[in-house]
Amino acid sequence: MAKTAGPPAHTASSDVEAKRKVVNRLRRAHGQLAAVIGAVEDDAHCREVVQQLSAVTKALDRAGFLIISSALKECLTDPEGEQADPEELEKLFLSLA
């Protein structure tokens, strides 16, 4: 009996969805950074500036984690493809911590 291959676990549509999520997070961070710049230019209270800056940092971190997560999923679902160096992925992940 011939064994048929099922659909790949990591498809082009999941790549597109991951990219969309990353771009959305980066656009959010871009808008938040613009708010930080505006707050500084307008001499806003330091609390407001720090809160906005914190939001930018979180948005960028989440985008980075999402990028690394996508790379890990790709490695796991396509073991015959280009192999990512586990030490490099760990270093990238920890650079966001």
Protein backbone atom coordinates (compact mmCIF):
# COMPACT_ATOMS: atom_id res chain seq x y z
CA MET A 1 0.00 0.00 0.00
CA ALA A 2 1.45 3.34 -1.06
CA LYS A 3 1.85 6.00 1.57
CA THR A 4 0.51 9.38 0.51
CA ALA A 5 1.92 12.57 1.84
CA GLY A 6 -0.52 14.86 3.55
CA PRO A 7 -0.44 18.62 3.14
CA PRO A 8 2.66 20.26 4.60
CA ALA A 9 2.16 21.49 8.13
CA HIS A 10 3.78 24.82 7.26
CA THR A 11 2.07 26.27 4.20
CA ALA A 12 2.51 29.43 2.19
CA SER A 13 -0.72 30.75 3.70
CA SER A 14 0.72 30.44 7.20
CA ASP A 15 3.81 32.35 5.99
CA VAL A 16 1.56 35.10 4.66
CA GLU A 17 -0.40 35.20 7.92
CA ALA A 18 2.78 35.39 10.01
CA LYS A 19 4.11 38.17 7.82
CA ARG A 20 0.82 40.06 8.13
CA LYS A 21 0.97 39.80 11.92
CA VAL A 22 4.56 41.03 12.04
CA VAL A 23 3.81 43.96 9.74
CA ASN A 24 0.76 44.90 11.83
CA ARG A 25 2.83 44.91 15.02
CA LEU A 26 5.54 47.00 13.38
CA ARG A 27 2.96 49.48 12.08
CA ARG A 28 1.54 49.72 15.60
CA ALA A 29 5.03 50.36 16.98
CA HIS A 30 5.60 52.96 14.27
CA GLY A 31 2.45 54.84 15.31
CA GLN A 32 3.36 54.59 18.99
CA LEU A 33 6.86 55.89 18.29
CA ALA A 34 5.35 58.84 16.43
CA ALA A 35 3.25 59.50 19.55
CA VAL A 36 6.41 59.42 21.72
CA ILE A 37 8.14 61.90 19.45
CA GLY A 38 5.10 64.16 19.49
CA ALA A 39 4.83 63.94 23.27
CA VAL A 40 8.50 64.90 23.70
CA GLU A 41 8.16 67.76 21.22
CA ASP A 42 5.05 68.99 23.06
CA ASP A 43 6.78 68.80 26.45
CA ALA A 44 4.31 66.20 27.69
CA HIS A 45 4.55 64.91 31.23
CA CYS A 46 7.28 62.31 31.64
CA ARG A 47 4.68 59.71 32.68
CA GLU A 48 2.99 59.96 29.28
CA VAL A 49 6.30 59.74 27.42
CA VAL A 50 7.44 56.69 29.39
CA GLN A 51 4.08 54.93 28.94
CA GLN A 52 4.21 55.46 25.19
CA LEU A 53 7.84 54.37 25.06
CA SER A 54 6.96 51.22 26.98
CA ALA A 55 4.20 50.46 24.46
CA VAL A 56 6.67 50.86 21.57
CA THR A 57 9.15 48.52 23.25
CA LYS A 58 6.50 45.85 23.84
CA ALA A 59 5.24 46.07 20.26
CA LEU A 60 8.77 45.68 18.88
CA ASP A 61 9.54 42.80 21.23
CA ARG A 62 6.37 40.99 20.20
CA ALA A 63 7.21 41.45 16.54
CA GLY A 64 10.65 39.99 17.17
CA PHE A 65 9.23 37.02 19.08
CA LEU A 66 6.76 36.41 16.27
CA ILE A 67 9.56 36.40 13.70
CA ILE A 68 11.59 33.91 15.75
CA SER A 69 8.50 31.79 16.39
CA SER A 70 7.82 31.60 12.65
CA ALA A 71 11.41 30.54 12.00
CA LEU A 72 11.15 27.80 14.62
CA LYS A 73 7.87 26.52 13.18
CA GLU A 74 9.42 26.46 9.73
CA CYS A 75 12.40 24.46 11.01
CA LEU A 76 10.13 21.95 12.71
CA THR A 77 7.77 21.46 9.78
CA ASP A 78 10.39 21.40 7.02
CA PRO A 79 13.34 19.47 8.45
CA GLU A 80 14.76 18.89 4.95
CA GLY A 81 14.82 22.60 4.13
CA GLU A 82 17.52 25.08 5.00
CA GLN A 83 18.48 24.35 8.58
CA ALA A 84 18.58 27.23 11.02
CA ASP A 85 21.39 27.12 13.52
CA PRO A 86 19.79 26.40 16.93
CA GLU A 87 22.47 28.44 18.70
CA GLU A 88 21.77 31.40 16.43
CA LEU A 89 18.02 31.17 17.08
CA GLU A 90 18.67 30.97 20.82
CA LYS A 91 20.95 34.01 20.64
CA LEU A 92 18.31 35.95 18.69
CA PHE A 93 15.59 34.94 21.12
CA LEU A 94 17.65 35.93 24.15
CA SER A 95 18.59 39.25 22.58
CA LEU A 96 14.93 40.20 22.96
CA ALA A 97 14.76 39.18 26.62
